[in-house]
């Protein structure tokens, strides 16, 4: 389970292995680590610094920008890869989330390379208001909004956009008017079902 210490351990492991631990490098290969770092620290550079590593020495000069993203998308298109929303999010999460952030939506990112007809994404454009609206919508549906559960349930893009626009997932939850501490303690649908089932077995009517 992610926490501040787990984030530091993972970063140190990658550093000892000689991996690229710049923001763009880790976002491309280990997006969940970046989102956890942004959640528990002020930003990625602070997380790296907290590990006793000089971020200036590992920062990559080239970071994600629109030009780099379009070049990558063109290469994937040339290979005949499936660029639909759900497929690409699973196969290339780092590039996918960077495209969402830089272009505002997956459709806009694909439009930059001449692709017009794509499947509609859950959120066509993102902003603080859109993040709050999406969080409230998921909450009304009874979705577990805790950090780890959101990724398991397929809502990782909401967490990433919440972290980008609000500074962290906790802040995104709080700006939507919800208590994140209660959300962390709230059992998910499956856990709640198992609990009730167990109670029924132990205390039959």
N, C-alpha and C. Protein backbone atom coordinates (compact mmCIF):
# COMPACT_ATOMS: atom_id res chain seq x y z
N UNK A 1 0.85 -1.19 0.00
CA UNK A 1 0.00 0.00 0.00
C UNK A 1 0.89 1.24 0.00
N UNK A 2 0.50 2.24 -0.78
CA UNK A 2 1.31 3.45 -0.90
C UNK A 2 1.25 4.31 0.37
N UNK A 3 2.41 4.81 0.78
CA UNK A 3 2.52 5.84 1.80
C UNK A 3 3.83 6.57 1.54
N UNK A 4 4.16 7.57 2.36
CA UNK A 4 5.36 8.36 2.11
C UNK A 4 6.62 7.51 2.08
N UNK A 5 6.72 6.55 3.03
CA UNK A 5 7.92 5.71 3.10
C UNK A 5 8.03 4.80 1.89
N UNK A 6 6.89 4.25 1.44
CA UNK A 6 6.90 3.37 0.28
C UNK A 6 7.34 4.13 -0.97
N UNK A 7 6.92 5.37 -1.10
CA UNK A 7 7.33 6.20 -2.24
C UNK A 7 8.84 6.39 -2.22
N UNK A 8 9.39 6.72 -1.05
CA UNK A 8 10.84 6.92 -0.94
C UNK A 8 11.61 5.64 -1.27
N UNK A 9 11.10 4.50 -0.78
CA UNK A 9 11.77 3.22 -1.04
C UNK A 9 11.83 2.93 -2.53
N UNK A 10 10.70 3.15 -3.22
CA UNK A 10 10.64 2.87 -4.67
C UNK A 10 11.59 3.79 -5.45
N UNK A 11 11.63 5.05 -5.08
CA UNK A 11 12.50 6.01 -5.78
C UNK A 11 13.96 5.62 -5.58
N UNK A 12 14.33 5.28 -4.35
CA UNK A 12 15.71 4.89 -4.07
C UNK A 12 16.10 3.63 -4.82
N UNK A 13 15.16 2.69 -4.93
CA UNK A 13 15.44 1.45 -5.66
C UNK A 13 15.74 1.75 -7.14
N UNK A 14 14.92 2.59 -7.73
CA UNK A 14 15.12 2.95 -9.13
C UNK A 14 16.45 3.68 -9.32
N UNK A 15 16.79 4.55 -8.37
CA UNK A 15 18.03 5.32 -8.44
C UNK A 15 19.25 4.39 -8.36
N UNK A 16 19.20 3.42 -7.44
CA UNK A 16 20.30 2.47 -7.28
C UNK A 16 20.47 1.59 -8.52
N UNK A 17 19.36 1.34 -9.20
CA UNK A 17 19.40 0.52 -10.40
C UNK A 17 19.82 1.32 -11.64
N UNK A 18 20.06 2.61 -11.44
CA UNK A 18 20.50 3.45 -12.54
C UNK A 18 19.39 3.83 -13.51
N UNK A 19 18.13 3.76 -13.05
CA UNK A 19 17.00 4.10 -13.92
C UNK A 19 16.83 5.62 -14.00
N UNK A 20 16.11 6.05 -15.01
CA UNK A 20 15.79 7.46 -15.21
C UNK A 20 14.71 7.85 -14.20
N UNK A 21 15.07 8.68 -13.21
CA UNK A 21 14.07 9.07 -12.22
C UNK A 21 13.66 10.54 -12.37
N UNK A 22 13.85 11.08 -13.59
CA UNK A 22 13.30 12.41 -13.87
C UNK A 22 11.78 12.26 -13.91
N UNK A 23 11.08 13.37 -13.79
CA UNK A 23 9.61 13.33 -13.78
C UNK A 23 9.06 12.62 -15.01
N UNK A 24 9.51 13.06 -16.20
CA UNK A 24 9.00 12.48 -17.43
C UNK A 24 9.39 11.02 -17.59
N UNK A 25 10.59 10.67 -17.12
CA UNK A 25 11.05 9.30 -17.24
C UNK A 25 10.22 8.34 -16.39
N UNK A 26 9.93 8.74 -15.16
CA UNK A 26 9.15 7.88 -14.27
C UNK A 26 7.68 7.88 -14.67
N UNK A 27 7.16 9.02 -15.13
CA UNK A 27 5.77 9.09 -15.56
C UNK A 27 5.51 8.13 -16.71
N UNK A 28 6.51 7.97 -17.56
CA UNK A 28 6.36 7.10 -18.73
C UNK A 28 6.37 5.64 -18.35
N UNK A 29 7.22 5.25 -17.39
CA UNK A 29 7.37 3.84 -17.04
C UNK A 29 6.65 3.43 -15.76
N UNK A 30 6.53 4.36 -14.79
CA UNK A 30 5.91 4.04 -13.51
C UNK A 30 4.92 5.14 -13.10
N UNK A 31 3.85 5.33 -13.86
CA UNK A 31 2.91 6.43 -13.58
C UNK A 31 2.31 6.39 -12.18
N UNK A 32 2.03 5.20 -11.65
CA UNK A 32 1.41 5.11 -10.32
C UNK A 32 2.35 5.65 -9.24
N UNK A 33 3.65 5.47 -9.43
CA UNK A 33 4.62 6.00 -8.47
C UNK A 33 4.59 7.52 -8.48
N UNK A 34 4.48 8.11 -9.66
CA UNK A 34 4.41 9.58 -9.76
C UNK A 34 3.16 10.10 -9.06
N UNK A 35 2.01 9.47 -9.32
CA UNK A 35 0.77 9.93 -8.71
C UNK A 35 0.81 9.80 -7.19
N UNK A 36 1.43 8.71 -6.71
CA UNK A 36 1.56 8.53 -5.26
C UNK A 36 2.48 9.60 -4.68
N UNK A 37 3.57 9.91 -5.38
CA UNK A 37 4.52 10.92 -4.92
C UNK A 37 3.86 12.29 -4.84
N UNK A 38 3.08 12.63 -5.86
CA UNK A 38 2.37 13.92 -5.87
C UNK A 38 1.33 13.96 -4.76
N UNK A 39 0.79 12.80 -4.43
CA UNK A 39 -0.22 12.72 -3.38
C UNK A 39 0.39 12.96 -2.00
N UNK A 40 1.57 12.37 -1.74
CA UNK A 40 2.16 12.44 -0.41
C UNK A 40 3.20 13.54 -0.25
N UNK A 41 3.69 14.08 -1.37
CA UNK A 41 4.66 15.17 -1.32
C UNK A 41 4.14 16.36 -2.12
N UNK A 42 4.82 17.48 -2.02
CA UNK A 42 4.37 18.67 -2.73
C UNK A 42 4.39 18.46 -4.24
N UNK A 43 5.43 17.82 -4.74
CA UNK A 43 5.55 17.50 -6.15
C UNK A 43 6.63 16.43 -6.31
N UNK A 44 6.92 16.03 -7.55
CA UNK A 44 7.89 14.95 -7.79
C UNK A 44 9.29 15.32 -7.34
N UNK A 45 9.72 16.55 -7.59
CA UNK A 45 11.08 16.96 -7.21
C UNK A 45 11.25 16.92 -5.70
N UNK A 46 10.21 17.28 -4.94
CA UNK A 46 10.30 17.22 -3.48
C UNK A 46 10.40 15.78 -3.00
N UNK A 47 9.71 14.87 -3.69
CA UNK A 47 9.77 13.46 -3.32
C UNK A 47 11.18 12.92 -3.52
N UNK A 48 11.80 13.28 -4.65
CA UNK A 48 13.17 12.83 -4.94
C UNK A 48 14.14 13.43 -3.93
N UNK A 49 13.97 14.72 -3.64
CA UNK A 49 14.84 15.39 -2.67
C UNK A 49 14.72 14.76 -1.30
N UNK A 50 13.51 14.32 -0.94
CA UNK A 50 13.28 13.69 0.37
C UNK A 50 14.04 12.37 0.49
N UNK A 51 14.49 11.83 -0.63
CA UNK A 51 15.28 10.59 -0.64
C UNK A 51 16.77 10.88 -0.53
N UNK A 52 17.14 12.16 -0.38
CA UNK A 52 18.54 12.53 -0.30
C UNK A 52 19.23 12.58 -1.65
N UNK A 53 18.44 12.72 -2.71
CA UNK A 53 18.97 12.76 -4.07
C UNK A 53 18.84 14.17 -4.63
N UNK A 54 19.90 14.68 -5.25
CA UNK A 54 19.89 16.02 -5.84
C UNK A 54 19.10 15.96 -7.15
N UNK A 55 17.91 16.54 -7.14
CA UNK A 55 17.04 16.42 -8.31
C UNK A 55 17.63 17.10 -9.55
N UNK A 56 18.46 18.12 -9.34
CA UNK A 56 19.06 18.82 -10.47
C UNK A 56 19.94 17.88 -11.30
N UNK A 57 20.49 16.86 -10.64
CA UNK A 57 21.38 15.92 -11.33
C UNK A 57 20.61 14.85 -12.11
N UNK A 58 19.34 14.67 -11.76
CA UNK A 58 18.57 13.61 -12.44
C UNK A 58 17.47 14.17 -13.33
N UNK A 59 17.26 15.48 -13.25
CA UNK A 59 16.20 16.08 -14.06
C UNK A 59 16.54 16.00 -15.55
N UNK A 60 15.62 15.53 -16.31
CA UNK A 60 15.80 15.41 -17.75
C UNK A 60 15.47 16.75 -18.41
N UNK A 61 16.36 17.21 -19.28
CA UNK A 61 16.12 18.50 -19.95
C UNK A 61 14.85 18.48 -20.79
N UNK A 62 14.61 17.36 -21.45
CA UNK A 62 13.43 17.26 -22.29
C UNK A 62 12.29 16.66 -21.49
N UNK A 63 11.20 17.39 -21.34
CA UNK A 63 10.03 16.91 -20.62
C UNK A 63 8.87 16.80 -21.59
N UNK A 64 7.77 16.26 -21.10
CA UNK A 64 6.61 16.11 -21.97
C UNK A 64 6.12 17.48 -22.43
N UNK A 65 5.95 17.63 -23.72
CA UNK A 65 5.32 18.82 -24.28
C UNK A 65 4.50 18.35 -25.49
N UNK A 66 3.74 19.26 -26.08
CA UNK A 66 2.85 18.86 -27.17
C UNK A 66 3.61 18.26 -28.36
N UNK A 67 4.75 18.85 -28.68
CA UNK A 67 5.52 18.37 -29.82
C UNK A 67 5.99 16.93 -29.60
N UNK A 68 6.54 16.67 -28.42
CA UNK A 68 7.04 15.33 -28.11
C UNK A 68 5.90 14.32 -28.09
N UNK A 69 4.75 14.74 -27.54
CA UNK A 69 3.60 13.84 -27.45
C UNK A 69 3.10 13.46 -28.84
N UNK A 70 2.98 14.46 -29.73
CA UNK A 70 2.50 14.17 -31.09
C UNK A 70 3.47 13.26 -31.83
N UNK A 71 4.76 13.45 -31.62
CA UNK A 71 5.75 12.59 -32.26
C UNK A 71 5.60 11.14 -31.80
N UNK A 72 5.37 10.95 -30.50
CA UNK A 72 5.18 9.61 -29.95
C UNK A 72 3.90 8.98 -30.50
N UNK A 73 2.83 9.78 -30.56
CA UNK A 73 1.55 9.26 -31.04
C UNK A 73 1.64 8.83 -32.52
N UNK A 74 2.36 9.62 -33.29
CA UNK A 74 2.55 9.29 -34.71
C UNK A 74 3.28 7.95 -34.86
N UNK A 75 4.28 7.72 -34.02
CA UNK A 75 5.03 6.46 -34.07
C UNK A 75 4.13 5.28 -33.72
N UNK A 76 3.29 5.45 -32.69
CA UNK A 76 2.38 4.37 -32.29
C UNK A 76 1.33 4.13 -33.38
N UNK A 77 0.89 5.21 -34.02
CA UNK A 77 -0.08 5.08 -35.10
C UNK A 77 0.55 4.32 -36.28
N UNK A 78 1.81 4.64 -36.58
CA UNK A 78 2.51 3.99 -37.69
C UNK A 78 2.69 2.50 -37.45
N UNK A 79 2.77 2.12 -36.18
CA UNK A 79 2.93 0.70 -35.83
C UNK A 79 1.60 -0.05 -35.89
N UNK A 80 0.52 0.71 -36.11
CA UNK A 80 -0.79 0.08 -36.19
C UNK A 80 -1.41 -0.22 -34.85
N UNK A 81 -0.96 0.48 -33.79
CA UNK A 81 -1.50 0.23 -32.46
C UNK A 81 -2.90 0.80 -32.30
N UNK A 82 -3.65 0.22 -31.36
CA UNK A 82 -5.00 0.67 -31.06
C UNK A 82 -4.89 1.96 -30.24
N UNK A 83 -5.37 3.06 -30.80
CA UNK A 83 -5.30 4.36 -30.12
C UNK A 83 -6.61 4.73 -29.43
N UNK A 84 -7.51 3.79 -29.27
CA UNK A 84 -8.77 4.09 -28.58
C UNK A 84 -8.47 4.40 -27.12
N UNK A 85 -9.36 5.13 -26.50
CA UNK A 85 -9.17 5.64 -25.13
C UNK A 85 -8.76 4.54 -24.14
N UNK A 86 -9.60 3.52 -24.00
CA UNK A 86 -9.35 2.49 -22.99
C UNK A 86 -8.11 1.65 -23.28
N UNK A 87 -7.91 1.30 -24.54
CA UNK A 87 -6.77 0.46 -24.90
C UNK A 87 -5.44 1.19 -24.67
N UNK A 88 -5.37 2.43 -25.13
CA UNK A 88 -4.11 3.17 -25.02
C UNK A 88 -3.80 3.53 -23.57
N UNK A 89 -4.82 3.82 -22.79
CA UNK A 89 -4.61 4.13 -21.38
C UNK A 89 -3.95 2.97 -20.65
N UNK A 90 -4.33 1.75 -21.02
CA UNK A 90 -3.76 0.56 -20.37
C UNK A 90 -2.36 0.23 -20.89
N UNK A 91 -2.15 0.41 -22.20
CA UNK A 91 -0.86 0.02 -22.79
C UNK A 91 0.24 1.07 -22.61
N UNK A 92 -0.14 2.36 -22.58
CA UNK A 92 0.86 3.43 -22.44
C UNK A 92 0.35 4.51 -21.48
N UNK A 93 0.19 4.17 -20.19
CA UNK A 93 -0.39 5.11 -19.22
C UNK A 93 0.36 6.43 -19.09
N UNK A 94 1.70 6.39 -19.14
CA UNK A 94 2.47 7.63 -18.99
C UNK A 94 2.20 8.62 -20.10
N UNK A 95 2.30 8.15 -21.33
CA UNK A 95 2.04 9.01 -22.49
C UNK A 95 0.58 9.44 -22.52
N UNK A 96 -0.31 8.54 -22.17
CA UNK A 96 -1.75 8.85 -22.18
C UNK A 96 -2.07 10.01 -21.24
N UNK A 97 -1.60 9.92 -19.99
CA UNK A 97 -1.91 10.96 -19.01
C UNK A 97 -1.22 12.28 -19.35
N UNK A 98 -0.02 12.21 -19.91
CA UNK A 98 0.67 13.43 -20.34
C UNK A 98 -0.12 14.11 -21.46
N UNK A 99 -0.66 13.31 -22.38
CA UNK A 99 -1.46 13.86 -23.48
C UNK A 99 -2.74 14.50 -22.95
N UNK A 100 -3.37 13.84 -21.98
CA UNK A 100 -4.58 14.40 -21.37
C UNK A 100 -4.28 15.76 -20.73
N UNK A 101 -3.16 15.82 -20.05
CA UNK A 101 -2.78 17.05 -19.34
C UNK A 101 -2.42 18.17 -20.32
N UNK A 102 -1.62 17.86 -21.32
CA UNK A 102 -1.13 18.89 -22.25
C UNK A 102 -2.22 19.38 -23.20
N UNK A 103 -3.09 18.47 -23.66
CA UNK A 103 -4.09 18.84 -24.66
C UNK A 103 -5.48 19.06 -24.08
N UNK A 104 -5.70 18.65 -22.83
CA UNK A 104 -7.01 18.84 -22.21
C UNK A 104 -7.94 17.67 -22.36
N UNK A 105 -7.75 16.85 -23.38
CA UNK A 105 -8.56 15.66 -23.59
C UNK A 105 -7.84 14.72 -24.55
N UNK A 106 -8.23 13.45 -24.53
CA UNK A 106 -7.62 12.47 -25.42
C UNK A 106 -7.99 12.75 -26.88
N UNK A 107 -9.23 13.21 -27.10
CA UNK A 107 -9.66 13.53 -28.46
C UNK A 107 -8.81 14.65 -29.06
N UNK A 108 -8.51 15.66 -28.25
CA UNK A 108 -7.71 16.79 -28.74
C UNK A 108 -6.29 16.34 -29.08
N UNK A 109 -5.76 15.42 -28.28
CA UNK A 109 -4.42 14.90 -28.53
C UNK A 109 -4.39 14.15 -29.87
N UNK A 110 -5.39 13.32 -30.10
CA UNK A 110 -5.45 12.57 -31.36
C UNK A 110 -5.74 13.49 -32.55
N UNK A 111 -6.50 14.54 -32.31
CA UNK A 111 -6.78 15.49 -33.39
C UNK A 111 -5.50 16.16 -33.87
N UNK A 112 -4.52 16.28 -32.98
CA UNK A 112 -3.26 16.93 -33.34
C UNK A 112 -2.48 16.12 -34.38
N UNK A 113 -2.81 14.83 -34.51
CA UNK A 113 -2.14 14.01 -35.53
C UNK A 113 -3.14 13.60 -36.62
N UNK A 114 -4.25 14.32 -36.70
CA UNK A 114 -5.20 14.11 -37.80
C UNK A 114 -6.25 13.04 -37.60
N UNK A 115 -6.40 12.54 -36.35
CA UNK A 115 -7.42 11.52 -36.08
C UNK A 115 -8.63 12.21 -35.48
N UNK A 116 -9.77 12.09 -36.14
CA UNK A 116 -10.97 12.80 -35.70
C UNK A 116 -11.99 11.89 -35.02
N UNK A 117 -12.14 10.67 -35.51
CA UNK A 117 -13.16 9.78 -34.97
C UNK A 117 -12.55 8.85 -33.94
N UNK A 118 -12.87 9.10 -32.66
CA UNK A 118 -12.39 8.26 -31.57
C UNK A 118 -13.52 8.05 -30.59
N UNK A 119 -13.35 7.10 -29.72
CA UNK A 119 -14.36 6.86 -28.69
C UNK A 119 -14.36 8.02 -27.70
N UNK A 120 -15.53 8.34 -27.22
CA UNK A 120 -15.64 9.45 -26.27
C UNK A 120 -15.04 9.05 -24.93
N UNK A 121 -14.28 9.96 -24.35
CA UNK A 121 -13.68 9.71 -23.03
C UNK A 121 -14.65 10.18 -21.97
N UNK A 122 -14.47 9.73 -20.69
CA UNK A 122 -15.34 10.15 -19.61
C UNK A 122 -15.35 11.67 -19.44
N UNK A 123 -14.22 12.32 -19.69
CA UNK A 123 -14.17 13.77 -19.55
C UNK A 123 -13.48 14.37 -20.75
N UNK A 124 -14.18 15.18 -21.53
CA UNK A 124 -13.62 15.66 -22.79
C UNK A 124 -12.58 16.76 -22.54
N UNK A 125 -12.80 17.59 -21.55
CA UNK A 125 -11.82 18.61 -21.18
C UNK A 125 -11.69 18.59 -19.66
N UNK A 126 -10.54 19.00 -19.16
CA UNK A 126 -10.31 18.94 -17.72
C UNK A 126 -9.99 20.32 -17.15
N UNK A 127 -10.43 20.53 -15.93
CA UNK A 127 -10.19 21.76 -15.20
C UNK A 127 -10.50 21.43 -13.74
N UNK A 128 -10.23 22.35 -12.82
CA UNK A 128 -10.56 22.10 -11.42
C UNK A 128 -12.05 21.83 -11.25
N UNK A 129 -12.86 22.61 -11.99
CA UNK A 129 -14.31 22.45 -11.90
C UNK A 129 -14.74 21.08 -12.40
N UNK A 130 -14.13 20.64 -13.52
CA UNK A 130 -14.46 19.33 -14.09
C UNK A 130 -14.04 18.21 -13.16
N UNK A 131 -12.89 18.36 -12.51
CA UNK A 131 -12.42 17.34 -11.57
C UNK A 131 -13.41 17.21 -10.42
N UNK A 132 -13.81 18.35 -9.84
CA UNK A 132 -14.76 18.33 -8.72
C UNK A 132 -16.09 17.72 -9.13
N UNK A 133 -16.55 18.07 -10.32
CA UNK A 133 -17.81 17.53 -10.82
C UNK A 133 -17.74 16.02 -10.98
N UNK A 134 -16.61 15.54 -11.51
CA UNK A 134 -16.43 14.10 -11.72
C UNK A 134 -16.35 13.36 -10.40
N UNK A 135 -15.67 13.93 -9.42
CA UNK A 135 -15.55 13.31 -8.10
C UNK A 135 -16.93 13.20 -7.45
N UNK A 136 -17.71 14.27 -7.52
CA UNK A 136 -19.06 14.26 -6.94
C UNK A 136 -19.94 13.22 -7.62
N UNK A 137 -19.79 13.10 -8.94
CA UNK A 137 -20.57 12.13 -9.70
C UNK A 137 -20.25 10.71 -9.26
N UNK A 138 -18.94 10.41 -9.12
CA UNK A 138 -18.52 9.08 -8.69
C UNK A 138 -18.96 8.80 -7.26
N UNK A 139 -18.93 9.83 -6.42
CA UNK A 139 -19.35 9.67 -5.03
C UNK A 139 -20.83 9.33 -4.94
N UNK A 140 -21.64 9.99 -5.79
CA UNK A 140 -23.08 9.71 -5.80
C UNK A 140 -23.36 8.27 -6.24
N UNK A 141 -22.48 7.73 -7.08
CA UNK A 141 -22.64 6.36 -7.56
C UNK A 141 -22.12 5.33 -6.56
N UNK A 142 -21.54 5.81 -5.47
CA UNK A 142 -21.03 4.90 -4.46
C UNK A 142 -19.66 4.32 -4.76
N UNK A 143 -18.92 4.96 -5.68
CA UNK A 143 -17.57 4.50 -6.03
C UNK A 143 -16.60 4.80 -4.89
N UNK A 144 -15.72 3.85 -4.59
CA UNK A 144 -14.69 4.05 -3.57
C UNK A 144 -13.69 5.07 -4.11
N UNK A 145 -13.60 6.24 -3.46
CA UNK A 145 -12.75 7.32 -3.94
C UNK A 145 -11.36 7.34 -3.31
N UNK A 146 -11.02 6.33 -2.55
CA UNK A 146 -9.68 6.29 -1.96
C UNK A 146 -8.65 6.14 -3.07
N UNK A 147 -7.46 6.64 -2.84
CA UNK A 147 -6.41 6.73 -3.86
C UNK A 147 -6.16 5.41 -4.58
N UNK A 148 -5.87 4.38 -3.84
CA UNK A 148 -5.51 3.09 -4.43
C UNK A 148 -6.71 2.45 -5.14
N UNK A 149 -7.89 2.57 -4.53
CA UNK A 149 -9.09 1.96 -5.11
C UNK A 149 -9.46 2.57 -6.45
N UNK A 150 -9.21 3.86 -6.61
CA UNK A 150 -9.57 4.52 -7.87
C UNK A 150 -8.83 3.90 -9.04
N UNK A 151 -7.56 3.57 -8.86
CA UNK A 151 -6.78 2.95 -9.94
C UNK A 151 -7.29 1.54 -10.21
N UNK A 152 -7.63 0.81 -9.15
CA UNK A 152 -8.12 -0.55 -9.32
C UNK A 152 -9.44 -0.57 -10.07
N UNK A 153 -10.25 0.47 -9.87
CA UNK A 153 -11.57 0.52 -10.49
C UNK A 153 -11.56 1.14 -11.89
N UNK A 154 -10.36 1.55 -12.35
CA UNK A 154 -10.27 2.09 -13.70
C UNK A 154 -10.48 3.59 -13.81
N UNK A 155 -10.34 4.31 -12.69
CA UNK A 155 -10.53 5.76 -12.70
C UNK A 155 -9.22 6.51 -12.44
N UNK A 156 -8.11 5.91 -12.89
CA UNK A 156 -6.81 6.53 -12.65
C UNK A 156 -6.68 7.91 -13.26
N UNK A 157 -7.33 8.15 -14.40
CA UNK A 157 -7.22 9.45 -15.06
C UNK A 157 -7.83 10.55 -14.19
N UNK A 158 -8.86 10.22 -13.42
CA UNK A 158 -9.47 11.22 -12.53
C UNK A 158 -8.49 11.61 -11.43
N UNK A 159 -7.77 10.61 -10.91
CA UNK A 159 -6.77 10.87 -9.88
C UNK A 159 -5.64 11.73 -10.44
N UNK A 160 -5.18 11.39 -11.64
CA UNK A 160 -4.07 12.13 -12.23
C UNK A 160 -4.46 13.57 -12.51
N UNK A 161 -5.67 13.79 -13.04
CA UNK A 161 -6.12 15.15 -13.31
C UNK A 161 -6.38 15.92 -12.01
N UNK A 162 -6.88 15.20 -11.00
CA UNK A 162 -7.09 15.84 -9.70
C UNK A 162 -5.77 16.29 -9.08
N UNK A 163 -4.75 15.44 -9.23
CA UNK A 163 -3.43 15.77 -8.70
C UNK A 163 -2.80 16.94 -9.45
N UNK A 164 -2.97 16.95 -10.78
CA UNK A 164 -2.40 18.02 -11.60
C UNK A 164 -3.06 19.37 -11.28
N UNK A 165 -4.38 19.40 -11.23
CA UNK A 165 -5.09 20.66 -11.10
C UNK A 165 -5.24 21.14 -9.66
N UNK A 166 -5.23 20.20 -8.70
CA UNK A 166 -5.47 20.59 -7.31
C UNK A 166 -4.24 20.44 -6.42
N UNK A 167 -3.18 19.82 -6.94
CA UNK A 167 -1.95 19.67 -6.14
C UNK A 167 -1.79 18.30 -5.53
N UNK A 168 -2.88 17.63 -5.21
CA UNK A 168 -2.85 16.27 -4.67
C UNK A 168 -4.27 15.71 -4.74
N UNK A 169 -4.39 14.40 -4.61
CA UNK A 169 -5.71 13.77 -4.65
C UNK A 169 -6.53 14.16 -3.43
N UNK A 170 -5.88 14.28 -2.28
CA UNK A 170 -6.59 14.70 -1.06
C UNK A 170 -7.22 16.08 -1.27
N UNK A 171 -6.45 17.01 -1.82
CA UNK A 171 -6.97 18.35 -2.05
C UNK A 171 -8.12 18.34 -3.06
N UNK A 172 -8.01 17.48 -4.06
CA UNK A 172 -9.07 17.38 -5.06
C UNK A 172 -10.37 16.91 -4.39
N UNK A 173 -10.25 15.93 -3.50
CA UNK A 173 -11.41 15.42 -2.78
C UNK A 173 -12.01 16.51 -1.89
N UNK A 174 -11.16 17.22 -1.17
CA UNK A 174 -11.63 18.25 -0.26
C UNK A 174 -12.25 19.42 -1.00
N UNK A 175 -11.70 19.77 -2.17
CA UNK A 175 -12.27 20.86 -2.96
C UNK A 175 -13.62 20.48 -3.56
N UNK A 176 -13.89 19.17 -3.59
CA UNK A 176 -15.20 18.71 -4.04
C UNK A 176 -16.20 18.67 -2.89
N UNK A 177 -15.72 19.13 -1.70
CA UNK A 177 -16.60 19.21 -0.54
C UNK A 177 -16.73 17.91 0.24
N UNK A 178 -15.79 16.98 0.06
CA UNK A 178 -15.84 15.70 0.74
C UNK A 178 -14.72 15.57 1.76
N UNK A 179 -14.91 14.71 2.74
CA UNK A 179 -13.92 14.48 3.79
C UNK A 179 -13.05 13.29 3.39
N UNK A 180 -11.80 13.54 3.04
CA UNK A 180 -10.94 12.47 2.56
C UNK A 180 -10.63 11.44 3.64
N UNK A 181 -10.53 11.88 4.90
CA UNK A 181 -10.25 10.93 5.97
C UNK A 181 -11.38 9.90 6.11
N UNK A 182 -12.62 10.35 5.92
CA UNK A 182 -13.75 9.42 5.98
C UNK A 182 -13.73 8.48 4.78
N UNK A 183 -13.33 9.00 3.63
CA UNK A 183 -13.27 8.18 2.42
C UNK A 183 -12.22 7.09 2.56
N UNK A 184 -11.08 7.41 3.18
CA UNK A 184 -10.03 6.41 3.38
C UNK A 184 -10.51 5.27 4.28
N UNK A 185 -11.38 5.61 5.24
CA UNK A 185 -11.85 4.60 6.20
C UNK A 185 -13.07 3.85 5.71
N UNK A 186 -13.75 4.39 4.68
CA UNK A 186 -14.99 3.80 4.22
C UNK A 186 -14.73 2.50 3.46
N UNK A 187 -15.39 1.39 3.82
CA UNK A 187 -15.17 0.13 3.09
C UNK A 187 -15.74 0.22 1.70
N UNK A 188 -15.06 -0.40 0.75
CA UNK A 188 -15.54 -0.41 -0.64
C UNK A 188 -16.75 -1.31 -0.75
N UNK A 189 -17.44 -1.31 -1.91
CA UNK A 189 -18.64 -2.11 -2.11
C UNK A 189 -18.43 -3.59 -1.84
N UNK A 190 -17.30 -4.14 -2.32
CA UNK A 190 -17.04 -5.56 -2.15
C UNK A 190 -16.80 -5.89 -0.69
N UNK A 191 -16.01 -5.02 -0.01
CA UNK A 191 -15.74 -5.26 1.40
C UNK A 191 -17.02 -5.18 2.21
N UNK A 192 -17.86 -4.19 1.89
CA UNK A 192 -19.11 -4.02 2.61
C UNK A 192 -20.00 -5.23 2.41
N UNK A 193 -20.03 -5.77 1.20
CA UNK A 193 -20.85 -6.95 0.90
C UNK A 193 -20.36 -8.15 1.70
N UNK A 194 -19.03 -8.32 1.72
CA UNK A 194 -18.47 -9.45 2.46
C UNK A 194 -18.76 -9.33 3.94
N UNK A 195 -18.71 -8.08 4.46
CA UNK A 195 -18.97 -7.87 5.89
C UNK A 195 -20.41 -8.24 6.23
N UNK A 196 -21.36 -7.78 5.39
CA UNK A 196 -22.77 -8.07 5.65
C UNK A 196 -23.05 -9.56 5.54
N UNK A 197 -22.37 -10.20 4.57
CA UNK A 197 -22.55 -11.63 4.39
C UNK A 197 -22.06 -12.40 5.60
N UNK A 198 -20.91 -11.95 6.13
CA UNK A 198 -20.35 -12.59 7.32
C UNK A 198 -21.25 -12.39 8.51
N UNK A 199 -21.80 -11.16 8.66
CA UNK A 199 -22.72 -10.89 9.76
C UNK A 199 -23.95 -11.76 9.68
N UNK A 200 -24.43 -11.97 8.44
CA UNK A 200 -25.62 -12.81 8.26
C UNK A 200 -25.34 -14.25 8.65
N UNK A 201 -24.10 -14.71 8.38
CA UNK A 201 -23.73 -16.08 8.72
C UNK A 201 -23.57 -16.26 10.22
N UNK A 202 -23.02 -15.20 10.87
CA UNK A 202 -22.76 -15.28 12.31
C UNK A 202 -24.02 -15.01 13.13
N UNK A 203 -24.90 -14.18 12.57
CA UNK A 203 -26.11 -13.78 13.31
C UNK A 203 -27.35 -14.03 12.46
N UNK A 204 -27.68 -15.27 12.19
CA UNK A 204 -28.85 -15.54 11.32
C UNK A 204 -30.14 -15.05 11.98
N UNK A 205 -31.11 -14.66 11.15
CA UNK A 205 -32.37 -14.14 11.65
C UNK A 205 -33.17 -15.26 12.32
